[in-house]
């Protein structure tokens, strides 16, 4: 799995933090190789949120996609391999959340550590009061 999706794993843990528990099924289903080429994993993150991963070398097109779903917003990447860390779409779950997101994006200035950390930090001031009531997120 780490050979197939190390960059995806890096982005996931950069945004969501450490992994606490993993349940995974792995198989060699597509290629005649000596290791797994398909993985489906369910992860419990350190903060209790949930994450799901699907990894394969059997895709007809080489794509990678990150989708982060939180209680107030969803952020989704492009699907370009090796350049998918750019979050293209961020949407709120209500008109008020959408307004806060659009206001944060309007004043966005990238920090050296990247877009995802920056957008989450911009939104954290709006969400800090509701952080304790955050619903578990997932990646899929």
C-alpha atoms as a PDB file:
ATOM      1  CA  UNK A   1       0.000   0.000   0.000  1.00  0.00           C
ATOM      2  CA  UNK A   2       2.758   2.429   0.829  1.00  0.00           C
ATOM      3  CA  UNK A   3       4.441   1.802  -2.510  1.00  0.00           C
ATOM      4  CA  UNK A   4       1.178   2.428  -4.355  1.00  0.00           C
ATOM      5  CA  UNK A   5      -0.121   5.378  -2.372  1.00  0.00           C
ATOM      6  CA  UNK A   6       2.623   6.882  -0.224  1.00  0.00           C
ATOM      7  CA  UNK A   7       1.877  10.446  -1.354  1.00  0.00           C
ATOM      8  CA  UNK A   8      -1.833  10.020  -0.677  1.00  0.00           C
ATOM      9  CA  UNK A   9      -1.008   8.620   2.754  1.00  0.00           C
ATOM     10  CA  UNK A  10       1.292  11.580   3.442  1.00  0.00           C
ATOM     11  CA  UNK A  11      -1.430  14.105   2.535  1.00  0.00           C
ATOM     12  CA  UNK A  12      -4.022  12.223   4.580  1.00  0.00           C
ATOM     13  CA  UNK A  13      -1.917  12.168   7.757  1.00  0.00           C
ATOM     14  CA  UNK A  14      -0.741  15.755   7.197  1.00  0.00           C
ATOM     15  CA  UNK A  15      -4.348  16.935   7.290  1.00  0.00           C
ATOM     16  CA  UNK A  16      -5.983  14.402   9.634  1.00  0.00           C
ATOM     17  CA  UNK A  17      -3.099  13.520  11.949  1.00  0.00           C
ATOM     18  CA  UNK A  18      -1.899  10.110  13.098  1.00  0.00           C
ATOM     19  CA  UNK A  19      -3.703   6.834  12.505  1.00  0.00           C
ATOM     20  CA  UNK A  20      -4.898   4.922  15.592  1.00  0.00           C
ATOM     21  CA  UNK A  21      -6.391   1.717  14.101  1.00  0.00           C
ATOM     22  CA  UNK A  22      -6.504   0.103  10.659  1.00  0.00           C
ATOM     23  CA  UNK A  23      -8.639  -2.617   9.122  1.00  0.00           C
ATOM     24  CA  UNK A  24      -7.661  -3.510   5.565  1.00  0.00           C
ATOM     25  CA  UNK A  25      -8.246  -6.109   2.916  1.00  0.00           C
ATOM     26  CA  UNK A  26      -5.505  -6.567   0.341  1.00  0.00           C
ATOM     27  CA  UNK A  27      -5.281  -8.803  -2.713  1.00  0.00           C
ATOM     28  CA  UNK A  28      -3.435  -9.339  -5.959  1.00  0.00           C
ATOM     29  CA  UNK A  29      -6.264  -9.099  -8.472  1.00  0.00           C
ATOM     30  CA  UNK A  30      -5.020  -7.228 -11.531  1.00  0.00           C
ATOM     31  CA  UNK A  31      -1.307  -7.696 -12.167  1.00  0.00           C
ATOM     32  CA  UNK A  32       0.884 -10.765 -12.091  1.00  0.00           C
ATOM     33  CA  UNK A  33       3.137  -9.466  -9.293  1.00  0.00           C
ATOM     34  CA  UNK A  34       4.428 -10.739  -5.971  1.00  0.00           C
ATOM     35  CA  UNK A  35       2.618  -8.157  -3.845  1.00  0.00           C
ATOM     36  CA  UNK A  36      -0.873  -6.755  -3.458  1.00  0.00           C
ATOM     37  CA  UNK A  37      -2.201  -4.476  -6.181  1.00  0.00           C
ATOM     38  CA  UNK A  38      -5.576  -3.680  -4.568  1.00  0.00           C
ATOM     39  CA  UNK A  39      -6.223  -2.342  -1.077  1.00  0.00           C
ATOM     40  CA  UNK A  40      -9.400  -1.297   0.697  1.00  0.00           C
ATOM     41  CA  UNK A  41      -8.783   0.137   4.159  1.00  0.00           C
ATOM     42  CA  UNK A  42     -10.826   1.638   6.980  1.00  0.00           C
ATOM     43  CA  UNK A  43      -8.876   3.785   9.411  1.00  0.00           C
ATOM     44  CA  UNK A  44      -9.668   5.329  12.761  1.00  0.00           C
ATOM     45  CA  UNK A  45      -7.635   8.486  13.166  1.00  0.00           C
ATOM     46  CA  UNK A  46      -6.035   9.622  16.418  1.00  0.00           C
ATOM     47  CA  UNK A  47      -8.882  12.067  17.084  1.00  0.00           C
ATOM     48  CA  UNK A  48     -11.560   9.405  16.533  1.00  0.00           C
ATOM     49  CA  UNK A  49     -12.524  10.505  13.006  1.00  0.00           C
ATOM     50  CA  UNK A  50     -12.865   7.863  10.303  1.00  0.00           C
ATOM     51  CA  UNK A  51     -11.091   7.544   6.980  1.00  0.00           C
ATOM     52  CA  UNK A  52     -11.462   5.171   4.053  1.00  0.00           C
ATOM     53  CA  UNK A  53      -8.866   4.439   1.385  1.00  0.00           C
ATOM     54  CA  UNK A  54      -9.055   2.560  -1.898  1.00  0.00           C
ATOM     55  CA  UNK A  55      -5.806   1.906  -3.737  1.00  0.00           C
ATOM     56  CA  UNK A  56      -5.147  -0.071  -6.921  1.00  0.00           C
ATOM     57  CA  UNK A  57      -2.734  -0.339  -9.817  1.00  0.00           C
ATOM     58  CA  UNK A  58      -5.600  -1.729 -11.878  1.00  0.00           C
ATOM     59  CA  UNK A  59      -7.280   1.554 -12.787  1.00  0.00           C
ATOM     60  CA  UNK A  60      -7.715   2.184 -16.513  1.00  0.00           C
ATOM     61  CA  UNK A  61      -6.654   5.794 -15.875  1.00  0.00           C
ATOM     62  CA  UNK A  62      -3.985   6.857 -13.355  1.00  0.00           C
ATOM     63  CA  UNK A  63      -5.917   9.145 -11.006  1.00  0.00           C
ATOM     64  CA  UNK A  64      -5.642  10.137  -7.391  1.00  0.00           C
ATOM     65  CA  UNK A  65      -8.359  11.923  -5.475  1.00  0.00           C
ATOM     66  CA  UNK A  66      -8.630  13.307  -1.972  1.00  0.00           C
ATOM     67  CA  UNK A  67     -12.033  14.096  -0.496  1.00  0.00           C
ATOM     68  CA  UNK A  68     -12.260  15.403   3.056  1.00  0.00           C
ATOM     69  CA  UNK A  69     -15.721  15.592   4.638  1.00  0.00           C
ATOM     70  CA  UNK A  70     -16.069  17.447   7.922  1.00  0.00           C
ATOM     71  CA  UNK A  71     -19.125  18.604   9.837  1.00  0.00           C
ATOM     72  CA  UNK A  72     -19.137  22.051   8.192  1.00  0.00           C
ATOM     73  CA  UNK A  73     -17.330  21.588   4.905  1.00  0.00           C
ATOM     74  CA  UNK A  74     -16.180  19.255   2.166  1.00  0.00           C
ATOM     75  CA  UNK A  75     -12.870  19.774   0.345  1.00  0.00           C
ATOM     76  CA  UNK A  76     -11.998  17.866  -2.815  1.00  0.00           C
ATOM     77  CA  UNK A  77      -8.804  17.692  -4.872  1.00  0.00           C
ATOM     78  CA  UNK A  78      -8.276  17.413  -8.574  1.00  0.00           C
ATOM     79  CA  UNK A  79      -7.594  13.908  -9.925  1.00  0.00           C
ATOM     80  CA  UNK A  80      -4.177  14.470 -11.507  1.00  0.00           C
ATOM     81  CA  UNK A  81      -1.558  11.998 -10.326  1.00  0.00           C
ATOM     82  CA  UNK A  82       1.411  13.645  -8.589  1.00  0.00           C
ATOM     83  CA  UNK A  83      -0.278  17.070  -8.562  1.00  0.00           C
ATOM     84  CA  UNK A  84      -3.468  16.310  -6.665  1.00  0.00           C
ATOM     85  CA  UNK A  85      -2.639  18.098  -3.425  1.00  0.00           C
ATOM     86  CA  UNK A  86      -4.290  21.235  -4.734  1.00  0.00           C
ATOM     87  CA  UNK A  87      -7.750  21.387  -3.213  1.00  0.00           C
ATOM     88  CA  UNK A  88     -10.017  22.696  -5.976  1.00  0.00           C
ATOM     89  CA  UNK A  89     -13.467  22.626  -4.428  1.00  0.00           C
ATOM     90  CA  UNK A  90     -14.393  23.618  -0.884  1.00  0.00           C
ATOM     91  CA  UNK A  91     -18.090  23.726  -0.021  1.00  0.00           C
ATOM     92  CA  UNK A  92     -20.035  24.369   3.153  1.00  0.00           C
ATOM     93  CA  UNK A  93     -22.998  22.427   4.426  1.00  0.00           C
ATOM     94  CA  UNK A  94     -25.149  25.541   4.852  1.00  0.00           C
ATOM     95  CA  UNK A  95     -25.390  29.015   3.304  1.00  0.00           C
ATOM     96  CA  UNK A  96     -23.663  30.454   6.380  1.00  0.00           C
ATOM     97  CA  UNK A  97     -20.786  27.974   6.163  1.00  0.00           C
ATOM     98  CA  UNK A  98     -20.508  28.631   2.422  1.00  0.00           C
ATOM     99  CA  UNK A  99     -20.221  32.393   3.109  1.00  0.00           C
ATOM    100  CA  UNK A 100     -17.472  31.802   5.707  1.00  0.00           C
ATOM    101  CA  UNK A 101     -15.585  29.561   3.280  1.00  0.00           C
ATOM    102  CA  UNK A 102     -15.857  32.061   0.426  1.00  0.00           C
ATOM    103  CA  UNK A 103     -14.678  34.877   2.737  1.00  0.00           C
ATOM    104  CA  UNK A 104     -11.709  32.751   3.868  1.00  0.00           C
ATOM    105  CA  UNK A 105     -10.806  31.911   0.258  1.00  0.00           C
ATOM    106  CA  UNK A 106     -11.027  35.593  -0.715  1.00  0.00           C
ATOM    107  CA  UNK A 107      -8.355  36.518   1.842  1.00  0.00           C
ATOM    108  CA  UNK A 108      -6.267  33.385   1.238  1.00  0.00           C
ATOM    109  CA  UNK A 109      -2.488  33.840   1.056  1.00  0.00           C
ATOM    110  CA  UNK A 110      -0.514  30.563   0.749  1.00  0.00           C
ATOM    111  CA  UNK A 111       1.866  29.727   3.554  1.00  0.00           C
ATOM    112  CA  UNK A 112       5.069  27.807   2.864  1.00  0.00           C
ATOM    113  CA  UNK A 113       3.638  24.586   4.289  1.00  0.00           C
ATOM    114  CA  UNK A 114       0.854  24.419   1.713  1.00  0.00           C
ATOM    115  CA  UNK A 115      -2.719  25.070   0.789  1.00  0.00           C
ATOM    116  CA  UNK A 116      -4.491  22.478   2.907  1.00  0.00           C
ATOM    117  CA  UNK A 117      -2.926  23.623   6.181  1.00  0.00           C
ATOM    118  CA  UNK A 118      -3.557  27.254   5.225  1.00  0.00           C
ATOM    119  CA  UNK A 119      -7.245  26.808   4.381  1.00  0.00           C
ATOM    120  CA  UNK A 120      -7.831  24.804   7.529  1.00  0.00           C
ATOM    121  CA  UNK A 121      -6.116  27.499   9.608  1.00  0.00           C
ATOM    122  CA  UNK A 122      -8.236  30.217   7.974  1.00  0.00           C
ATOM    123  CA  UNK A 123     -11.381  28.293   8.767  1.00  0.00           C
ATOM    124  CA  UNK A 124     -10.281  27.323  12.271  1.00  0.00           C
ATOM    125  CA  UNK A 125     -11.073  30.746  13.677  1.00  0.00           C
ATOM    126  CA  UNK A 126     -14.655  30.332  12.451  1.00  0.00           C
ATOM    127  CA  UNK A 127     -14.872  26.719  13.562  1.00  0.00           C
ATOM    128  CA  UNK A 128     -12.911  26.816  16.810  1.00  0.00           C
ATOM    129  CA  UNK A 129     -16.067  27.117  18.878  1.00  0.00           C
ATOM    130  CA  UNK A 130     -17.632  24.117  17.130  1.00  0.00           C
ATOM    131  CA  UNK A 131     -14.463  21.989  16.958  1.00  0.00           C
ATOM    132  CA  UNK A 132     -15.405  20.059  20.068  1.00  0.00           C
ATOM    133  CA  UNK A 133     -18.642  19.000  18.369  1.00  0.00           C
ATOM    134  CA  UNK A 134     -16.984  17.978  15.104  1.00  0.00           C
ATOM    135  CA  UNK A 135     -18.464  14.973  13.382  1.00  0.00           C
ATOM    136  CA  UNK A 136     -15.944  12.383  12.232  1.00  0.00           C
ATOM    137  CA  UNK A 137     -14.580  13.036   8.750  1.00  0.00           C
ATOM    138  CA  UNK A 138     -13.559  10.563   6.091  1.00  0.00           C
ATOM    139  CA  UNK A 139     -11.454  10.392   3.004  1.00  0.00           C
ATOM    140  CA  UNK A 140     -12.684   8.434   0.059  1.00  0.00           C
END
